Amino acid sequence: MPRGLVRATKVAWTVSVIAIATALGALLGWENHGLIGAIALGFVGFVVGIFVSYPSMILQLLT
């Protein structure tokens, strides 16, 4: 497989997972706690998204 395609796939995966986790955190925060909750849980979602986007990090934490 071409190296550029693999890299583009990894970048797309990372960006999409972080964006989805951040959006879900902000949505849940907004519905349950208002603006401050949206900001706080959006940040938490961002951090969780970083960890989830790299499966090797998850395996490292579990072992």
PDB file of N, CA and C in Angstrom:
ATOM      1  N   MET A   1       0.855  -1.181   0.000  1.00  0.00           N
ATOM      2  CA  MET A   1       0.000   0.000   0.000  1.00  0.00           C
ATOM      3  C   MET A   1       0.900   1.243   0.000  1.00  0.00           C
ATOM      4  N   PRO A   2       0.564   2.241  -0.793  1.00  0.00           N
ATOM      5  CA  PRO A   2       1.384   3.443  -0.836  1.00  0.00           C
ATOM      6  C   PRO A   2       1.452   4.135   0.529  1.00  0.00           C
ATOM      7  N   ARG A   3       2.631   4.646   0.824  1.00  0.00           N
ATOM      8  CA  ARG A   3       2.870   5.275   2.116  1.00  0.00           C
ATOM      9  C   ARG A   3       1.982   6.495   2.338  1.00  0.00           C
ATOM     10  N   GLY A   4       1.730   7.254   1.287  1.00  0.00           N
ATOM     11  CA  GLY A   4       0.886   8.446   1.398  1.00  0.00           C
ATOM     12  C   GLY A   4      -0.550   8.124   1.748  1.00  0.00           C
ATOM     13  N   LEU A   5      -1.057   7.022   1.198  1.00  0.00           N
ATOM     14  CA  LEU A   5      -2.433   6.604   1.492  1.00  0.00           C
ATOM     15  C   LEU A   5      -2.574   6.179   2.952  1.00  0.00           C
ATOM     16  N   VAL A   6      -1.582   5.473   3.463  1.00  0.00           N
ATOM     17  CA  VAL A   6      -1.609   5.045   4.860  1.00  0.00           C
ATOM     18  C   VAL A   6      -1.572   6.260   5.773  1.00  0.00           C
ATOM     19  N   ARG A   7      -0.724   7.198   5.465  1.00  0.00           N
ATOM     20  CA  ARG A   7      -0.611   8.407   6.289  1.00  0.00           C
ATOM     21  C   ARG A   7      -1.897   9.225   6.246  1.00  0.00           C
ATOM     22  N   ALA A   8      -2.475   9.370   5.068  1.00  0.00           N
ATOM     23  CA  ALA A   8      -3.731  10.123   4.938  1.00  0.00           C
ATOM     24  C   ALA A   8      -4.858   9.447   5.707  1.00  0.00           C
ATOM     25  N   THR A   9      -4.895   8.122   5.689  1.00  0.00           N
ATOM     26  CA  THR A   9      -5.914   7.386   6.435  1.00  0.00           C
ATOM     27  C   THR A   9      -5.742   7.589   7.934  1.00  0.00           C
ATOM     28  N   LYS A  10      -4.505   7.550   8.415  1.00  0.00           N
ATOM     29  CA  LYS A  10      -4.245   7.769   9.841  1.00  0.00           C
ATOM     30  C   LYS A  10      -4.636   9.178  10.271  1.00  0.00           C
ATOM     31  N   VAL A  11      -4.338  10.161   9.447  1.00  0.00           N
ATOM     32  CA  VAL A  11      -4.695  11.546   9.762  1.00  0.00           C
ATOM     33  C   VAL A  11      -6.204  11.713   9.788  1.00  0.00           C
ATOM     34  N   ALA A  12      -6.884  11.156   8.790  1.00  0.00           N
ATOM     35  CA  ALA A  12      -8.349  11.253   8.743  1.00  0.00           C
ATOM     36  C   ALA A  12      -8.975  10.561   9.951  1.00  0.00           C
ATOM     37  N   TRP A  13      -8.463   9.402  10.339  1.00  0.00           N
ATOM     38  CA  TRP A  13      -8.971   8.683  11.501  1.00  0.00           C
ATOM     39  C   TRP A  13      -8.790   9.518  12.769  1.00  0.00           C
ATOM     40  N   THR A  14      -7.598  10.042  12.969  1.00  0.00           N
ATOM     41  CA  THR A  14      -7.298  10.813  14.175  1.00  0.00           C
ATOM     42  C   THR A  14      -8.178  12.050  14.271  1.00  0.00           C
ATOM     43  N   VAL A  15      -8.283  12.794  13.190  1.00  0.00           N
ATOM     44  CA  VAL A  15      -9.084  14.020  13.201  1.00  0.00           C
ATOM     45  C   VAL A  15     -10.556  13.707  13.436  1.00  0.00           C
ATOM     46  N   SER A  16     -11.068  12.674  12.789  1.00  0.00           N
ATOM     47  CA  SER A  16     -12.492  12.365  12.948  1.00  0.00           C
ATOM     48  C   SER A  16     -12.814  11.864  14.351  1.00  0.00           C
ATOM     49  N   VAL A  17     -11.967  11.035  14.929  1.00  0.00           N
ATOM     50  CA  VAL A  17     -12.235  10.518  16.272  1.00  0.00           C
ATOM     51  C   VAL A  17     -12.170  11.647  17.299  1.00  0.00           C
ATOM     52  N   ILE A  18     -11.175  12.518  17.199  1.00  0.00           N
ATOM     53  CA  ILE A  18     -11.059  13.635  18.141  1.00  0.00           C
ATOM     54  C   ILE A  18     -12.241  14.582  17.985  1.00  0.00           C
ATOM     55  N   ALA A  19     -12.645  14.854  16.756  1.00  0.00           N
ATOM     56  CA  ALA A  19     -13.780  15.758  16.529  1.00  0.00           C
ATOM     57  C   ALA A  19     -15.082  15.174  17.073  1.00  0.00           C
ATOM     58  N   ILE A  20     -15.306  13.891  16.850  1.00  0.00           N
ATOM     59  CA  ILE A  20     -16.528  13.259  17.341  1.00  0.00           C
ATOM     60  C   ILE A  20     -16.553  13.232  18.862  1.00  0.00           C
ATOM     61  N   ALA A  21     -15.431  12.885  19.490  1.00  0.00           N
ATOM     62  CA  ALA A  21     -15.383  12.843  20.957  1.00  0.00           C
ATOM     63  C   ALA A  21     -15.595  14.232  21.547  1.00  0.00           C
ATOM     64  N   THR A  22     -14.999  15.249  20.936  1.00  0.00           N
ATOM     65  CA  THR A  22     -15.174  16.616  21.424  1.00  0.00           C
ATOM     66  C   THR A  22     -16.623  17.065  21.265  1.00  0.00           C
ATOM     67  N   ALA A  23     -17.214  16.775  20.126  1.00  0.00           N
ATOM     68  CA  ALA A  23     -18.608  17.170  19.890  1.00  0.00           C
ATOM     69  C   ALA A  23     -19.559  16.462  20.848  1.00  0.00           C
ATOM     70  N   LEU A  24     -19.342  15.180  21.090  1.00  0.00           N
ATOM     71  CA  LEU A  24     -20.204  14.452  22.024  1.00  0.00           C
ATOM     72  C   LEU A  24     -20.062  15.006  23.441  1.00  0.00           C
ATOM     73  N   GLY A  25     -18.837  15.293  23.852  1.00  0.00           N
ATOM     74  CA  GLY A  25     -18.629  15.871  25.175  1.00  0.00           C
ATOM     75  C   GLY A  25     -19.308  17.220  25.311  1.00  0.00           C
ATOM     76  N   ALA A  26     -19.164  18.061  24.297  1.00  0.00           N
ATOM     77  CA  ALA A  26     -19.798  19.381  24.338  1.00  0.00           C
ATOM     78  C   ALA A  26     -21.316  19.274  24.332  1.00  0.00           C
ATOM     79  N   LEU A  27     -21.844  18.356  23.548  1.00  0.00           N
ATOM     80  CA  LEU A  27     -23.295  18.167  23.495  1.00  0.00           C
ATOM     81  C   LEU A  27     -23.852  17.706  24.841  1.00  0.00           C
ATOM     82  N   LEU A  28     -23.205  16.715  25.425  1.00  0.00           N
ATOM     83  CA  LEU A  28     -23.657  16.227  26.727  1.00  0.00           C
ATOM     84  C   LEU A  28     -23.509  17.305  27.799  1.00  0.00           C
ATOM     85  N   GLY A  29     -22.426  18.041  27.749  1.00  0.00           N
ATOM     86  CA  GLY A  29     -22.229  19.123  28.709  1.00  0.00           C
ATOM     87  C   GLY A  29     -23.261  20.219  28.551  1.00  0.00           C
ATOM     88  N   TRP A  30     -23.589  20.562  27.327  1.00  0.00           N
ATOM     89  CA  TRP A  30     -24.574  21.612  27.062  1.00  0.00           C
ATOM     90  C   TRP A  30     -25.961  21.205  27.560  1.00  0.00           C
ATOM     91  N   GLU A  31     -26.342  19.958  27.282  1.00  0.00           N
ATOM     92  CA  GLU A  31     -27.677  19.505  27.676  1.00  0.00           C
ATOM     93  C   GLU A  31     -27.832  19.361  29.186  1.00  0.00           C
ATOM     94  N   ASN A  32     -26.768  18.995  29.871  1.00  0.00           N
ATOM     95  CA  ASN A  32     -26.885  18.709  31.299  1.00  0.00           C
ATOM     96  C   ASN A  32     -26.407  19.841  32.206  1.00  0.00           C
ATOM     97  N   HIS A  33     -25.484  20.689  31.728  1.00  0.00           N
ATOM     98  CA  HIS A  33     -24.875  21.677  32.620  1.00  0.00           C
ATOM     99  C   HIS A  33     -24.760  23.074  32.021  1.00  0.00           C
ATOM    100  N   GLY A  34     -25.229  23.288  30.830  1.00  0.00           N
ATOM    101  CA  GLY A  34     -25.163  24.618  30.223  1.00  0.00           C
ATOM    102  C   GLY A  34     -23.812  24.892  29.582  1.00  0.00           C
ATOM    103  N   LEU A  35     -23.500  26.173  29.463  1.00  0.00           N
ATOM    104  CA  LEU A  35     -22.300  26.608  28.740  1.00  0.00           C
ATOM    105  C   LEU A  35     -21.009  26.119  29.387  1.00  0.00           C
ATOM    106  N   ILE A  36     -20.905  26.250  30.691  1.00  0.00           N
ATOM    107  CA  ILE A  36     -19.679  25.822  31.380  1.00  0.00           C
ATOM    108  C   ILE A  36     -19.500  24.312  31.241  1.00  0.00           C
ATOM    109  N   GLY A  37     -20.576  23.574  31.345  1.00  0.00           N
ATOM    110  CA  GLY A  37     -20.505  22.125  31.158  1.00  0.00           C
ATOM    111  C   GLY A  37     -20.093  21.751  29.748  1.00  0.00           C
ATOM    112  N   ALA A  38     -20.579  22.509  28.766  1.00  0.00           N
ATOM    113  CA  ALA A  38     -20.205  22.242  27.379  1.00  0.00           C
ATOM    114  C   ALA A  38     -18.717  22.469  27.160  1.00  0.00           C
ATOM    115  N   ILE A  39     -18.199  23.528  27.746  1.00  0.00           N
ATOM    116  CA  ILE A  39     -16.762  23.812  27.608  1.00  0.00           C
ATOM    117  C   ILE A  39     -15.943  22.738  28.318  1.00  0.00           C
ATOM    118  N   ALA A  40     -16.329  22.417  29.548  1.00  0.00           N
ATOM    119  CA  ALA A  40     -15.567  21.442  30.331  1.00  0.00           C
ATOM    120  C   ALA A  40     -15.624  20.049  29.711  1.00  0.00           C
ATOM    121  N   LEU A  41     -16.818  19.581  29.390  1.00  0.00           N
ATOM    122  CA  LEU A  41     -16.936  18.239  28.826  1.00  0.00           C
ATOM    123  C   LEU A  41     -16.442  18.172  27.384  1.00  0.00           C
ATOM    124  N   GLY A  42     -16.470  19.288  26.673  1.00  0.00           N
ATOM    125  CA  GLY A  42     -15.845  19.331  25.351  1.00  0.00           C
ATOM    126  C   GLY A  42     -14.349  19.117  25.451  1.00  0.00           C
ATOM    127  N   PHE A  43     -13.727  19.730  26.469  1.00  0.00           N
ATOM    128  CA  PHE A  43     -12.295  19.540  26.691  1.00  0.00           C
ATOM    129  C   PHE A  43     -12.002  18.095  27.098  1.00  0.00           C
ATOM    130  N   VAL A  44     -12.835  17.552  27.978  1.00  0.00           N
ATOM    131  CA  VAL A  44     -12.663  16.150  28.385  1.00  0.00           C
ATOM    132  C   VAL A  44     -12.814  15.234  27.171  1.00  0.00           C
ATOM    133  N   GLY A  45     -13.792  15.514  26.325  1.00  0.00           N
ATOM    134  CA  GLY A  45     -13.967  14.728  25.113  1.00  0.00           C
ATOM    135  C   GLY A  45     -12.774  14.822  24.183  1.00  0.00           C
ATOM    136  N   PHE A  46     -12.172  16.006  24.118  1.00  0.00           N
ATOM    137  CA  PHE A  46     -10.978  16.196  23.299  1.00  0.00           C
ATOM    138  C   PHE A  46      -9.836  15.314  23.796  1.00  0.00           C
ATOM    139  N   VAL A  47      -9.615  15.317  25.104  1.00  0.00           N
ATOM    140  CA  VAL A  47      -8.531  14.514  25.689  1.00  0.00           C
ATOM    141  C   VAL A  47      -8.810  13.024  25.498  1.00  0.00           C
ATOM    142  N   VAL A  48     -10.044  12.611  25.736  1.00  0.00           N
ATOM    143  CA  VAL A  48     -10.404  11.202  25.526  1.00  0.00           C
ATOM    144  C   VAL A  48     -10.236  10.833  24.050  1.00  0.00           C
ATOM    145  N   GLY A  49     -10.611  11.744  23.164  1.00  0.00           N
ATOM    146  CA  GLY A  49     -10.452  11.491  21.736  1.00  0.00           C
ATOM    147  C   GLY A  49      -9.007  11.285  21.325  1.00  0.00           C
ATOM    148  N   ILE A  50      -8.102  12.013  21.968  1.00  0.00           N
ATOM    149  CA  ILE A  50      -6.677  11.830  21.681  1.00  0.00           C
ATOM    150  C   ILE A  50      -6.250  10.420  22.046  1.00  0.00           C
ATOM    151  N   PHE A  51      -6.678   9.961  23.224  1.00  0.00           N
ATOM    152  CA  PHE A  51      -6.297   8.616  23.639  1.00  0.00           C
ATOM    153  C   PHE A  51      -6.959   7.541  22.785  1.00  0.00           C
ATOM    154  N   VAL A  52      -8.205   7.738  22.421  1.00  0.00           N
ATOM    155  CA  VAL A  52      -8.930   6.734  21.643  1.00  0.00           C
ATOM    156  C   VAL A  52      -8.421   6.670  20.204  1.00  0.00           C
ATOM    157  N   SER A  53      -7.907   7.769  19.699  1.00  0.00           N
ATOM    158  CA  SER A  53      -7.468   7.781  18.304  1.00  0.00           C
ATOM    159  C   SER A  53      -6.200   6.966  18.074  1.00  0.00           C
ATOM    160  N   TYR A  54      -5.480   6.658  19.131  1.00  0.00           N
ATOM    161  CA  TYR A  54      -4.279   5.830  19.013  1.00  0.00           C
ATOM    162  C   TYR A  54      -4.508   4.522  19.756  1.00  0.00           C
ATOM    163  N   PRO A  55      -4.893   3.459  19.063  1.00  0.00           N
ATOM    164  CA  PRO A  55      -5.171   2.174  19.730  1.00  0.00           C
ATOM    165  C   PRO A  55      -3.977   1.648  20.525  1.00  0.00           C
ATOM    166  N   SER A  56      -2.766   1.939  20.097  1.00  0.00           N
ATOM    167  CA  SER A  56      -1.602   1.460  20.842  1.00  0.00           C
ATOM    168  C   SER A  56      -1.539   2.094  22.226  1.00  0.00           C
ATOM    169  N   MET A  57      -2.016   3.343  22.370  1.00  0.00           N
ATOM    170  CA  MET A  57      -2.046   3.987  23.679  1.00  0.00           C
ATOM    171  C   MET A  57      -3.020   3.275  24.609  1.00  0.00           C
ATOM    172  N   ILE A  58      -4.167   2.889  24.074  1.00  0.00           N
ATOM    173  CA  ILE A  58      -5.165   2.179  24.879  1.00  0.00           C
ATOM    174  C   ILE A  58      -4.588   0.853  25.368  1.00  0.00           C
ATOM    175  N   LEU A  59      -3.944   0.123  24.479  1.00  0.00           N
ATOM    176  CA  LEU A  59      -3.358  -1.161  24.867  1.00  0.00           C
ATOM    177  C   LEU A  59      -2.244  -0.971  25.889  1.00  0.00           C
ATOM    178  N   GLN A  60      -1.478   0.091  25.767  1.00  0.00           N
ATOM    179  CA  GLN A  60      -0.413   0.378  26.724  1.00  0.00           C
ATOM    180  C   GLN A  60      -1.002   0.655  28.106  1.00  0.00           C
ATOM    181  N   LEU A  61      -2.117   1.386  28.168  1.00  0.00           N
ATOM    182  CA  LEU A  61      -2.740   1.698  29.446  1.00  0.00           C
ATOM    183  C   LEU A  61      -3.379   0.457  30.080  1.00  0.00           C
ATOM    184  N   LEU A  62      -3.872  -0.459  29.266  1.00  0.00           N
ATOM    185  CA  LEU A  62      -4.535  -1.647  29.786  1.00  0.00           C
ATOM    186  C   LEU A  62      -3.563  -2.714  30.270  1.00  0.00           C
ATOM    187  N   THR A  63      -2.335  -2.690  29.773  1.00  0.00           N
ATOM    188  CA  THR A  63      -1.370  -3.730  30.174  1.00  0.00           C
ATOM    189  C   THR A  63      -0.486  -3.268  31.295  1.00  0.00           C
TER     190      THR A  63
END
